N, C-alpha and C. Protein backbone atom coordinates (compact mmCIF):
# COMPACT_ATOMS: atom_id res chain seq x y z
N MET A 1 10.80 8.88 -0.87
CA MET A 1 9.97 9.98 -1.61
C MET A 1 9.15 10.40 -0.45
N ILE A 2 9.06 11.92 -0.66
CA ILE A 2 8.51 12.84 0.33
C ILE A 2 8.30 14.25 -0.33
N PRO A 3 7.04 15.05 0.03
CA PRO A 3 6.72 16.04 -0.28
C PRO A 3 7.52 17.32 0.11
N GLN A 4 7.52 18.34 -0.69
CA GLN A 4 8.33 19.24 -0.34
C GLN A 4 8.12 19.94 0.94
N ALA A 5 6.67 19.75 1.31
CA ALA A 5 6.48 20.19 2.35
C ALA A 5 6.91 19.63 4.15
N LEU A 6 7.19 18.96 3.68
CA LEU A 6 7.69 17.85 4.61
C LEU A 6 9.13 18.11 4.87
N VAL A 7 9.83 18.31 3.72
CA VAL A 7 11.02 18.64 3.56
C VAL A 7 11.60 19.86 4.41
N ASP A 8 10.33 21.13 4.02
CA ASP A 8 10.37 22.57 4.51
C ASP A 8 10.28 22.25 6.20
N LEU A 9 9.98 21.20 6.82
CA LEU A 9 9.19 20.84 7.93
C LEU A 9 10.67 20.11 8.85
N GLU A 10 11.50 19.73 8.01
CA GLU A 10 12.89 19.13 8.46
C GLU A 10 12.52 18.16 8.70
N VAL A 11 11.56 17.34 7.92
CA VAL A 11 11.28 15.94 8.70
C VAL A 11 11.96 14.71 7.53
N ALA A 12 12.65 15.20 6.08
CA ALA A 12 13.07 14.47 5.38
C ALA A 12 14.60 13.95 5.99
N ASP A 13 15.17 12.79 5.58
CA ASP A 13 16.28 12.19 5.65
C ASP A 13 17.58 12.66 4.98
N LEU A 14 18.01 13.30 5.03
CA LEU A 14 18.93 14.28 4.09
C LEU A 14 19.88 12.95 3.88
N ALA A 15 20.49 12.27 4.76
CA ALA A 15 21.62 11.31 4.29
C ALA A 15 21.02 9.98 3.84
N SER A 16 19.89 9.58 3.34
CA SER A 16 19.84 8.75 2.64
C SER A 16 20.09 8.42 1.64
N ASP A 17 19.93 7.41 0.87
CA ASP A 17 20.81 6.82 -0.65
C ASP A 17 20.36 7.77 -1.41
N GLU A 18 19.21 7.55 -1.24
CA GLU A 18 18.31 8.41 -2.66
C GLU A 18 16.88 9.24 -1.89
N LEU A 19 16.90 10.30 -2.30
CA LEU A 19 15.87 11.19 -1.84
C LEU A 19 14.85 11.89 -2.99
N LEU A 20 13.91 11.66 -3.34
CA LEU A 20 13.08 12.03 -4.26
C LEU A 20 12.08 12.99 -3.57
N VAL A 21 11.78 14.28 -3.85
CA VAL A 21 11.07 15.30 -3.67
C VAL A 21 10.15 15.99 -4.55
N THR A 22 8.92 15.41 -3.94
CA THR A 22 7.77 15.86 -5.05
C THR A 22 6.79 16.98 -4.40
N GLU A 23 6.29 17.46 -5.44
CA GLU A 23 5.45 18.64 -5.34
C GLU A 23 4.37 18.73 -4.34
N SER A 24 3.42 17.82 -4.07
CA SER A 24 2.70 17.31 -3.01
C SER A 24 2.48 16.15 -2.67
N MET A 25 1.76 15.79 -2.09
CA MET A 25 1.33 14.11 -1.26
C MET A 25 0.80 13.77 -2.81
N ALA A 26 -0.08 13.96 -3.33
CA ALA A 26 -0.75 13.09 -4.30
C ALA A 26 0.20 12.81 -5.61
N SER A 27 0.99 13.89 -5.70
CA SER A 27 2.38 13.52 -6.55
C SER A 27 3.19 12.80 -6.33
N ARG A 28 3.40 12.41 -4.90
CA ARG A 28 4.35 11.49 -4.18
C ARG A 28 3.30 10.06 -4.27
N LYS A 29 2.30 9.90 -4.24
CA LYS A 29 1.54 8.67 -4.54
C LYS A 29 1.90 8.06 -5.62
N ILE A 30 1.44 9.07 -6.75
CA ILE A 30 1.71 8.73 -7.81
C ILE A 30 3.46 8.32 -8.35
N LEU A 31 3.80 9.02 -7.81
CA LEU A 31 5.38 8.43 -8.15
C LEU A 31 5.72 7.17 -7.37
N MET A 32 5.26 6.95 -6.25
CA MET A 32 5.42 5.87 -5.40
C MET A 32 4.99 4.80 -6.42
N ILE A 33 3.71 4.57 -6.85
CA ILE A 33 3.36 3.97 -8.00
C ILE A 33 4.23 3.23 -9.01
N GLU A 34 4.70 4.40 -9.71
CA GLU A 34 5.09 4.26 -10.91
C GLU A 34 6.67 3.37 -10.52
N LYS A 35 7.01 3.81 -9.44
CA LYS A 35 8.70 3.32 -9.18
C LYS A 35 8.52 2.08 -8.20
N SER A 36 7.41 1.82 -7.80
CA SER A 36 7.63 0.41 -6.93
C SER A 36 7.28 -0.96 -8.01
N ASP A 37 7.99 -1.80 -7.14
CA ASP A 37 7.70 -3.27 -8.06
C ASP A 37 6.25 -4.06 -7.26
N ALA A 38 6.12 -3.77 -5.96
CA ALA A 38 5.22 -4.23 -5.28
C ALA A 38 4.79 -3.66 -3.86
N PHE A 39 3.98 -3.72 -3.36
CA PHE A 39 3.45 -2.98 -2.14
C PHE A 39 3.61 -3.89 -0.96
N LEU A 40 3.97 -3.27 0.71
CA LEU A 40 3.73 -4.28 1.40
C LEU A 40 3.31 -3.20 2.48
N THR A 41 2.06 -3.38 3.13
CA THR A 41 1.51 -2.57 4.18
C THR A 41 1.67 -3.33 5.43
N LEU A 42 2.22 -2.49 6.43
CA LEU A 42 2.86 -2.94 7.46
C LEU A 42 1.46 -1.86 8.63
N PRO A 43 1.19 -2.22 9.58
CA PRO A 43 0.33 -1.87 10.47
C PRO A 43 0.70 -0.47 10.57
N GLY A 44 -0.34 0.20 10.89
CA GLY A 44 -0.02 1.82 10.26
C GLY A 44 -1.46 3.04 10.79
N GLY A 45 -1.05 4.28 10.47
CA GLY A 45 -2.66 5.17 10.85
C GLY A 45 -3.06 5.52 9.21
N LEU A 46 -3.52 6.54 9.50
CA LEU A 46 -4.23 7.37 8.34
C LEU A 46 -3.27 7.67 6.83
N GLY A 47 -2.05 7.72 7.20
CA GLY A 47 -1.29 7.95 6.09
C GLY A 47 -1.32 6.63 5.50
N THR A 48 -1.13 5.74 6.06
CA THR A 48 -0.59 4.16 5.86
C THR A 48 -1.77 3.56 4.60
N LEU A 49 -3.35 4.25 5.62
CA LEU A 49 -4.45 3.25 4.72
C LEU A 49 -4.63 4.06 3.53
N ASP A 50 -4.36 5.78 3.64
CA ASP A 50 -4.40 6.21 2.36
C ASP A 50 -3.58 5.71 1.26
N GLU A 51 -2.50 5.40 1.70
CA GLU A 51 -1.17 4.79 0.61
C GLU A 51 -2.14 3.73 0.05
N LEU A 52 -2.61 2.75 0.99
CA LEU A 52 -3.20 1.39 1.07
C LEU A 52 -4.11 1.43 -0.07
N PHE A 53 -4.83 2.28 0.07
CA PHE A 53 -6.18 2.48 -0.79
C PHE A 53 -6.10 3.25 -2.56
N GLU A 54 -5.05 3.75 -2.01
CA GLU A 54 -4.67 4.40 -3.27
C GLU A 54 -4.16 3.50 -4.23
N VAL A 55 -3.45 2.68 -3.95
CA VAL A 55 -2.70 1.56 -4.91
C VAL A 55 -3.59 0.57 -4.88
N TRP A 56 -4.48 -0.21 -3.98
CA TRP A 56 -5.71 -0.76 -4.44
C TRP A 56 -6.58 -0.26 -5.29
N THR A 57 -6.77 0.81 -5.34
CA THR A 57 -7.76 1.15 -6.01
C THR A 57 -7.41 1.26 -7.61
N THR A 58 -6.09 2.10 -7.61
CA THR A 58 -5.42 1.78 -8.97
C THR A 58 -5.32 0.62 -9.22
N ALA A 59 -5.26 -0.73 -8.71
CA ALA A 59 -4.83 -1.75 -9.01
C ALA A 59 -6.42 -2.71 -9.59
N THR A 60 -7.35 -2.04 -9.08
CA THR A 60 -8.75 -2.85 -9.34
C THR A 60 -8.83 -2.20 -10.33
N LEU A 61 -8.70 -1.04 -11.09
CA LEU A 61 -8.90 0.17 -12.14
C LEU A 61 -7.82 -0.56 -13.32
N ALA A 62 -7.08 -1.64 -13.21
CA ALA A 62 -6.04 -2.13 -13.70
C ALA A 62 -5.10 -1.41 -14.38
N LEU A 63 -4.82 -0.60 -13.55
CA LEU A 63 -3.66 0.87 -13.54
C LEU A 63 -2.17 0.25 -13.50
N HIS A 64 -2.40 -0.83 -12.61
CA HIS A 64 -0.91 -1.61 -12.48
C HIS A 64 -1.42 -2.93 -12.03
N HIS A 65 -0.46 -3.97 -12.05
CA HIS A 65 -0.57 -5.14 -11.77
C HIS A 65 0.59 -5.68 -10.96
N LYS A 66 0.97 -4.69 -9.89
CA LYS A 66 1.71 -5.34 -8.99
C LYS A 66 1.10 -6.04 -7.85
N PRO A 67 2.14 -6.87 -6.88
CA PRO A 67 1.53 -7.56 -5.78
C PRO A 67 1.26 -6.69 -4.52
N MET A 68 0.53 -6.70 -3.97
CA MET A 68 0.05 -5.92 -2.52
C MET A 68 -0.21 -6.72 -1.69
N VAL A 69 0.54 -6.90 -0.39
CA VAL A 69 0.46 -7.74 0.52
C VAL A 69 -0.03 -6.66 1.97
N LEU A 70 -0.76 -7.23 2.82
CA LEU A 70 -1.05 -6.27 3.88
C LEU A 70 -0.55 -7.62 5.06
N VAL A 71 0.27 -6.84 5.98
CA VAL A 71 0.82 -7.21 7.15
C VAL A 71 0.08 -7.35 8.06
N ASP A 72 -0.89 -8.10 8.43
CA ASP A 72 -1.88 -8.61 9.59
C ASP A 72 -1.14 -8.59 10.75
N THR A 73 -0.36 -8.20 11.38
CA THR A 73 0.45 -8.76 12.77
C THR A 73 -0.60 -8.64 13.96
N ASP A 74 -0.53 -9.80 14.87
CA ASP A 74 -1.26 -9.77 15.64
C ASP A 74 -2.83 -9.17 15.22
N GLY A 75 -3.43 -9.59 14.13
CA GLY A 75 -4.73 -9.19 13.94
C GLY A 75 -4.91 -7.71 13.74
N PHE A 76 -4.19 -6.84 13.63
CA PHE A 76 -3.87 -5.23 13.40
C PHE A 76 -5.01 -5.01 12.30
N TYR A 77 -5.20 -5.69 11.54
CA TYR A 77 -6.13 -4.91 10.33
C TYR A 77 -7.31 -6.08 10.37
N ASP A 78 -7.89 -7.11 11.26
CA ASP A 78 -8.85 -7.98 11.35
C ASP A 78 -10.14 -7.07 11.12
N PRO A 79 -10.26 -6.02 12.03
CA PRO A 79 -11.50 -5.20 11.88
C PRO A 79 -11.81 -4.63 10.31
N LEU A 80 -10.65 -4.18 9.83
CA LEU A 80 -10.46 -3.55 8.41
C LEU A 80 -10.92 -4.45 7.39
N LEU A 81 -10.46 -5.98 7.44
CA LEU A 81 -10.34 -6.73 6.35
C LEU A 81 -12.17 -7.30 6.77
N ALA A 82 -12.67 -7.23 7.84
CA ALA A 82 -13.93 -7.99 8.03
C ALA A 82 -14.87 -6.65 7.36
N TRP A 83 -14.87 -5.39 7.71
CA TRP A 83 -15.36 -4.53 7.01
C TRP A 83 -15.37 -4.73 5.60
N LEU A 84 -14.03 -4.56 4.83
CA LEU A 84 -14.11 -5.03 3.31
C LEU A 84 -14.60 -6.30 2.73
N ARG A 85 -14.93 -7.58 3.91
CA ARG A 85 -15.74 -8.40 3.50
C ARG A 85 -16.82 -8.54 3.31
N ASP A 86 -17.23 -7.39 4.23
CA ASP A 86 -18.83 -6.97 4.36
C ASP A 86 -19.18 -6.18 2.75
N LEU A 87 -18.25 -5.12 2.78
CA LEU A 87 -18.50 -4.39 1.34
C LEU A 87 -18.68 -5.15 0.25
N THR A 88 -17.96 -6.50 0.25
CA THR A 88 -17.71 -7.31 -0.73
C THR A 88 -19.34 -7.72 -0.88
N ASP A 89 -19.89 -8.45 0.36
CA ASP A 89 -20.65 -9.05 0.75
C ASP A 89 -22.17 -8.13 -0.27
N GLN A 90 -22.01 -6.78 0.45
CA GLN A 90 -23.02 -5.98 -0.11
C GLN A 90 -22.78 -5.44 -1.47
N THR A 91 -22.05 -5.87 -2.34
CA THR A 91 -21.46 -5.73 -3.36
C THR A 91 -20.87 -4.57 -4.00
N PHE A 92 -20.39 -3.67 -3.07
CA PHE A 92 -19.96 -2.15 -3.13
C PHE A 92 -18.23 -2.80 -3.43
N LEU A 93 -17.88 -3.68 -3.24
CA LEU A 93 -16.20 -4.31 -3.87
C LEU A 93 -16.59 -5.63 -4.12
N LYS A 94 -16.11 -5.75 -5.63
CA LYS A 94 -16.25 -6.90 -6.61
C LYS A 94 -14.98 -7.80 -5.74
N PRO A 95 -15.64 -9.00 -5.61
CA PRO A 95 -14.79 -10.03 -4.99
C PRO A 95 -13.35 -10.33 -5.59
N ALA A 96 -13.41 -9.97 -7.29
CA ALA A 96 -12.00 -10.10 -7.64
C ALA A 96 -10.87 -8.77 -7.04
N GLY A 97 -11.73 -7.86 -6.79
CA GLY A 97 -10.86 -6.26 -6.36
C GLY A 97 -10.61 -7.07 -5.07
N PHE A 98 -11.08 -7.73 -4.32
CA PHE A 98 -11.03 -7.84 -2.59
C PHE A 98 -9.70 -8.92 -2.93
N ASP A 99 -9.93 -9.74 -3.84
CA ASP A 99 -8.58 -10.86 -3.84
C ASP A 99 -7.35 -10.13 -4.25
N LEU A 100 -7.53 -9.08 -5.09
CA LEU A 100 -6.19 -8.48 -5.59
C LEU A 100 -5.09 -7.91 -4.27
N LEU A 101 -5.54 -7.93 -3.16
CA LEU A 101 -4.98 -7.59 -1.82
C LEU A 101 -4.78 -9.04 -0.89
N ARG A 102 -3.54 -9.80 -0.97
CA ARG A 102 -3.50 -10.52 -0.15
C ARG A 102 -2.96 -10.09 1.53
N SER A 103 -3.25 -10.95 2.55
CA SER A 103 -3.28 -10.92 3.70
C SER A 103 -2.24 -11.65 4.29
N VAL A 104 -1.37 -11.48 5.25
CA VAL A 104 -0.38 -12.30 5.98
C VAL A 104 -0.06 -11.71 7.04
N ASP A 105 0.39 -12.67 8.08
CA ASP A 105 0.55 -12.08 9.71
C ASP A 105 1.99 -11.62 10.11
N THR A 106 3.04 -12.47 9.16
CA THR A 106 4.25 -11.82 9.14
C THR A 106 4.93 -10.86 8.02
N VAL A 107 6.25 -10.66 8.17
CA VAL A 107 6.92 -9.37 7.16
C VAL A 107 7.66 -10.71 6.26
N PRO A 108 7.98 -11.68 6.87
CA PRO A 108 8.84 -12.78 5.78
C PRO A 108 7.95 -13.31 5.25
N ALA A 109 6.64 -14.03 5.75
CA ALA A 109 5.40 -14.64 4.91
C ALA A 109 5.43 -13.52 3.63
N ALA A 110 5.05 -12.43 3.69
CA ALA A 110 5.14 -11.15 3.02
C ALA A 110 5.62 -11.15 1.90
N LEU A 111 7.15 -10.88 2.34
CA LEU A 111 8.25 -10.92 1.15
C LEU A 111 8.23 -12.33 0.45
N ASP A 112 8.33 -13.38 1.17
CA ASP A 112 7.99 -14.86 0.09
C ASP A 112 6.93 -14.31 -1.01
N LEU A 113 5.60 -14.31 -0.39
CA LEU A 113 4.22 -13.86 -1.20
C LEU A 113 4.50 -13.17 -2.40
N ILE A 114 5.46 -12.19 -2.10
CA ILE A 114 5.85 -11.11 -2.83
C ILE A 114 6.58 -11.24 -4.06
N GLU A 115 7.57 -12.38 -3.54
CA GLU A 115 8.66 -12.74 -4.25
C GLU A 115 8.28 -14.06 -5.30
N SER A 116 7.14 -14.93 -5.07
CA SER A 116 6.40 -15.66 -5.47
C SER A 116 5.65 -15.16 -6.61
N GLN A 117 4.93 -13.91 -6.51
CA GLN A 117 4.28 -13.07 -7.09
C GLN A 117 5.00 -12.66 -8.55
N LEU A 118 6.64 -12.50 -8.22
CA LEU A 118 7.01 -11.62 -9.14
C LEU A 118 7.85 -12.67 -10.17
N THR A 119 7.52 -13.54 -9.62
CA THR A 119 8.50 -14.50 -10.55
C THR A 119 8.22 -15.48 -11.39
């Protein structure tokens, strides 16, 4: 899934098995949520965090009930998780909402967790 603006910049993998082009980044995230069975977040930058929070926010609003797993390789997300726990302690994030996002430290553990939640 890629917005047309990135296709225009020649960023798209035109040889991929399936290429879904959207009008915008916002419509890309909507389509991503609709078409996904689960969400696995690897270490990344702002785009990764944007997608993580979009997926997580929609889950807390019960707009989907799909597994979400954060892969915290080598403690990459430890500072973020500490901040989120603090938000929970300050009641800006409900504990049930915090618990929707699971965290593991390897991709195999993430896949095992997702598989166990889908069956």
